[in-house]
Amino acid sequence: MDKEFLSQIDGLGELIPDPKLDNETIICECFCVNVADIRELCAANKQVDVSLLEKSYSFGLGCQSCVKKIESWVHNIF
């Protein structure tokens, strides 16, 4: 394959927006915190605030897999 074609393929990620998660998607399984909960609580700043989620929902205080995998979901909330 030629380099120009491969370069175009690499650039596709910038053209295709990240898919937004459904409201019902559970992010913190230990405390049943879903995307709707996160959107509602963090709506003012339109960004995920883990410390606010922790205080309000005990988010991340169980097994912590939701916090460990934050890069896989945080950009798909808003």
N, C-alpha and C. Protein backbone atom coordinates (compact mmCIF):
# COMPACT_ATOMS: atom_id res chain seq x y z
N MET A 1 0.85 -1.19 0.00
CA MET A 1 0.00 0.00 0.00
C MET A 1 0.89 1.24 0.00
N ASP A 2 0.39 2.28 -0.65
CA ASP A 2 1.23 3.47 -0.68
C ASP A 2 1.02 4.31 0.57
N LYS A 3 1.99 5.18 0.82
CA LYS A 3 2.00 5.96 2.05
C LYS A 3 0.83 6.95 2.13
N GLU A 4 0.43 7.50 0.99
CA GLU A 4 -0.67 8.46 0.99
C GLU A 4 -1.97 7.80 1.42
N PHE A 5 -2.22 6.60 0.93
CA PHE A 5 -3.41 5.86 1.31
C PHE A 5 -3.42 5.56 2.81
N LEU A 6 -2.29 5.11 3.33
CA LEU A 6 -2.19 4.83 4.76
C LEU A 6 -2.37 6.09 5.59
N SER A 7 -1.87 7.19 5.11
CA SER A 7 -2.03 8.47 5.80
C SER A 7 -3.50 8.87 5.86
N GLN A 8 -4.24 8.63 4.77
CA GLN A 8 -5.66 8.94 4.75
C GLN A 8 -6.43 8.08 5.74
N ILE A 9 -6.05 6.82 5.85
CA ILE A 9 -6.70 5.92 6.81
C ILE A 9 -6.44 6.41 8.23
N ASP A 10 -5.22 6.82 8.52
CA ASP A 10 -4.89 7.32 9.85
C ASP A 10 -5.70 8.57 10.19
N GLY A 11 -6.03 9.39 9.20
CA GLY A 11 -6.78 10.61 9.44
C GLY A 11 -8.27 10.42 9.62
N LEU A 12 -8.78 9.23 9.36
CA LEU A 12 -10.22 8.99 9.49
C LEU A 12 -10.72 9.18 10.91
N GLY A 13 -9.90 8.86 11.89
CA GLY A 13 -10.31 9.02 13.28
C GLY A 13 -10.67 10.44 13.63
N GLU A 14 -10.06 11.40 12.96
CA GLU A 14 -10.36 12.81 13.21
C GLU A 14 -11.67 13.21 12.56
N LEU A 15 -12.07 12.51 11.49
CA LEU A 15 -13.29 12.85 10.77
C LEU A 15 -14.54 12.22 11.36
N ILE A 16 -14.37 11.08 12.00
CA ILE A 16 -15.50 10.34 12.56
C ILE A 16 -15.60 10.65 14.04
N PRO A 17 -16.66 11.31 14.47
CA PRO A 17 -16.79 11.64 15.90
C PRO A 17 -16.97 10.39 16.76
N ASP A 18 -16.57 10.50 18.01
CA ASP A 18 -16.78 9.40 18.96
C ASP A 18 -18.28 9.20 19.15
N PRO A 19 -18.70 7.96 19.19
CA PRO A 19 -20.12 7.71 19.44
C PRO A 19 -20.48 8.04 20.89
N LYS A 20 -21.60 8.67 21.08
CA LYS A 20 -22.05 8.97 22.43
C LYS A 20 -22.72 7.73 23.02
N LEU A 21 -22.52 7.53 24.30
CA LEU A 21 -23.09 6.38 24.99
C LEU A 21 -24.58 6.60 25.28
N ASP A 22 -25.33 5.53 25.31
CA ASP A 22 -26.74 5.58 25.68
C ASP A 22 -26.86 5.91 27.16
N ASN A 23 -27.94 6.58 27.54
CA ASN A 23 -28.16 6.96 28.94
C ASN A 23 -28.19 5.76 29.88
N GLU A 24 -28.63 4.62 29.39
CA GLU A 24 -28.78 3.44 30.24
C GLU A 24 -27.47 2.67 30.46
N THR A 25 -26.43 3.03 29.74
CA THR A 25 -25.15 2.32 29.87
C THR A 25 -24.59 2.50 31.28
N ILE A 26 -24.33 1.38 31.95
CA ILE A 26 -23.77 1.42 33.31
C ILE A 26 -22.27 1.64 33.21
N ILE A 27 -21.77 2.62 33.94
CA ILE A 27 -20.33 2.90 33.97
C ILE A 27 -19.72 2.33 35.25
N CYS A 28 -20.36 2.57 36.38
CA CYS A 28 -19.88 2.04 37.66
C CYS A 28 -20.84 0.93 38.08
N GLU A 29 -20.41 -0.29 37.88
CA GLU A 29 -21.28 -1.43 38.19
C GLU A 29 -21.48 -1.63 39.69
N CYS A 30 -20.50 -1.29 40.48
CA CYS A 30 -20.62 -1.49 41.93
C CYS A 30 -21.77 -0.67 42.53
N PHE A 31 -21.95 0.55 42.02
CA PHE A 31 -22.98 1.43 42.58
C PHE A 31 -24.04 1.82 41.55
N CYS A 32 -24.09 1.08 40.43
CA CYS A 32 -25.11 1.25 39.39
C CYS A 32 -25.23 2.69 38.90
N VAL A 33 -24.10 3.32 38.62
CA VAL A 33 -24.09 4.68 38.08
C VAL A 33 -24.08 4.56 36.56
N ASN A 34 -25.10 5.13 35.93
CA ASN A 34 -25.17 5.04 34.48
C ASN A 34 -24.82 6.38 33.83
N VAL A 35 -24.82 6.38 32.52
CA VAL A 35 -24.46 7.58 31.76
C VAL A 35 -25.42 8.73 32.06
N ALA A 36 -26.70 8.45 32.21
CA ALA A 36 -27.67 9.50 32.53
C ALA A 36 -27.33 10.17 33.85
N ASP A 37 -26.93 9.38 34.85
CA ASP A 37 -26.54 9.95 36.15
C ASP A 37 -25.35 10.90 35.99
N ILE A 38 -24.37 10.47 35.21
CA ILE A 38 -23.17 11.28 35.01
C ILE A 38 -23.51 12.56 34.25
N ARG A 39 -24.31 12.43 33.20
CA ARG A 39 -24.70 13.62 32.42
C ARG A 39 -25.46 14.61 33.27
N GLU A 40 -26.38 14.12 34.08
CA GLU A 40 -27.19 15.01 34.92
C GLU A 40 -26.32 15.74 35.94
N LEU A 41 -25.45 15.01 36.61
CA LEU A 41 -24.63 15.60 37.66
C LEU A 41 -23.56 16.53 37.12
N CYS A 42 -23.02 16.23 35.97
CA CYS A 42 -21.90 16.99 35.41
C CYS A 42 -22.32 17.91 34.27
N ALA A 43 -23.61 18.14 34.10
CA ALA A 43 -24.12 18.92 32.97
C ALA A 43 -23.63 20.35 32.95
N ALA A 44 -23.44 20.95 34.09
CA ALA A 44 -23.06 22.37 34.14
C ALA A 44 -21.75 22.64 33.42
N ASN A 45 -20.78 21.75 33.58
CA ASN A 45 -19.46 21.96 32.97
C ASN A 45 -19.26 21.16 31.69
N LYS A 46 -20.20 20.26 31.37
CA LYS A 46 -20.10 19.39 30.19
C LYS A 46 -18.79 18.59 30.17
N GLN A 47 -18.34 18.21 31.37
CA GLN A 47 -17.18 17.33 31.48
C GLN A 47 -17.32 16.49 32.74
N VAL A 48 -16.75 15.31 32.71
CA VAL A 48 -16.89 14.37 33.81
C VAL A 48 -16.02 14.83 34.99
N ASP A 49 -16.64 14.95 36.15
CA ASP A 49 -15.96 15.33 37.38
C ASP A 49 -16.02 14.13 38.33
N VAL A 50 -14.93 13.36 38.37
CA VAL A 50 -14.90 12.12 39.15
C VAL A 50 -15.09 12.40 40.63
N SER A 51 -14.51 13.47 41.14
CA SER A 51 -14.66 13.76 42.58
C SER A 51 -16.11 14.07 42.94
N LEU A 52 -16.83 14.76 42.07
CA LEU A 52 -18.25 15.04 42.29
C LEU A 52 -19.07 13.76 42.22
N LEU A 53 -18.75 12.89 41.26
CA LEU A 53 -19.43 11.60 41.16
C LEU A 53 -19.18 10.75 42.40
N GLU A 54 -17.96 10.79 42.89
CA GLU A 54 -17.60 10.03 44.09
C GLU A 54 -18.43 10.49 45.28
N LYS A 55 -18.53 11.80 45.46
CA LYS A 55 -19.28 12.35 46.59
C LYS A 55 -20.77 12.06 46.49
N SER A 56 -21.32 12.13 45.28
CA SER A 56 -22.76 11.98 45.09
C SER A 56 -23.23 10.54 44.97
N TYR A 57 -22.43 9.69 44.31
CA TYR A 57 -22.87 8.33 44.02
C TYR A 57 -21.93 7.24 44.53
N SER A 58 -20.88 7.60 45.25
CA SER A 58 -19.84 6.65 45.68
C SER A 58 -19.13 6.03 44.47
N PHE A 59 -19.19 6.72 43.34
CA PHE A 59 -18.59 6.29 42.09
C PHE A 59 -17.09 5.99 42.29
N GLY A 60 -16.69 4.82 41.87
CA GLY A 60 -15.27 4.46 41.92
C GLY A 60 -14.77 3.99 43.27
N LEU A 61 -15.65 3.89 44.24
CA LEU A 61 -15.20 3.49 45.58
C LEU A 61 -15.29 1.98 45.80
N GLY A 62 -15.80 1.25 44.83
CA GLY A 62 -15.88 -0.21 44.93
C GLY A 62 -14.63 -0.84 44.33
N CYS A 63 -14.82 -1.55 43.24
CA CYS A 63 -13.70 -2.25 42.60
C CYS A 63 -12.78 -1.31 41.83
N GLN A 64 -13.24 -0.11 41.54
CA GLN A 64 -12.51 0.95 40.83
C GLN A 64 -12.24 0.67 39.36
N SER A 65 -12.88 -0.33 38.77
CA SER A 65 -12.64 -0.60 37.36
C SER A 65 -13.17 0.55 36.49
N CYS A 66 -14.21 1.24 36.92
CA CYS A 66 -14.74 2.37 36.15
C CYS A 66 -13.71 3.51 36.07
N VAL A 67 -12.99 3.72 37.14
CA VAL A 67 -11.97 4.76 37.15
C VAL A 67 -10.73 4.30 36.39
N LYS A 68 -10.38 3.04 36.53
CA LYS A 68 -9.20 2.51 35.83
C LYS A 68 -9.40 2.54 34.32
N LYS A 69 -10.65 2.41 33.86
CA LYS A 69 -10.95 2.37 32.43
C LYS A 69 -11.55 3.69 31.94
N ILE A 70 -11.30 4.78 32.63
CA ILE A 70 -11.93 6.06 32.32
C ILE A 70 -11.66 6.51 30.88
N GLU A 71 -10.49 6.25 30.36
CA GLU A 71 -10.16 6.67 29.00
C GLU A 71 -11.03 5.99 27.94
N SER A 72 -11.61 4.85 28.28
CA SER A 72 -12.45 4.13 27.31
C SER A 72 -13.87 4.69 27.22
N TRP A 73 -14.30 5.51 28.17
CA TRP A 73 -15.68 6.01 28.14
C TRP A 73 -15.83 7.51 28.35
N VAL A 74 -14.89 8.17 28.96
CA VAL A 74 -15.06 9.58 29.36
C VAL A 74 -15.36 10.51 28.19
N HIS A 75 -14.78 10.26 27.03
CA HIS A 75 -14.99 11.13 25.87
C HIS A 75 -16.31 10.89 25.16
N ASN A 76 -17.03 9.85 25.59
CA ASN A 76 -18.30 9.51 24.94
C ASN A 76 -19.51 9.88 25.79
N ILE A 77 -19.32 10.66 26.83
CA ILE A 77 -20.43 11.07 27.70
C ILE A 77 -21.11 12.31 27.13
N PHE A 78 -20.34 13.34 26.83
CA PHE A 78 -20.92 14.61 26.31
C PHE A 78 -20.57 14.78 24.85
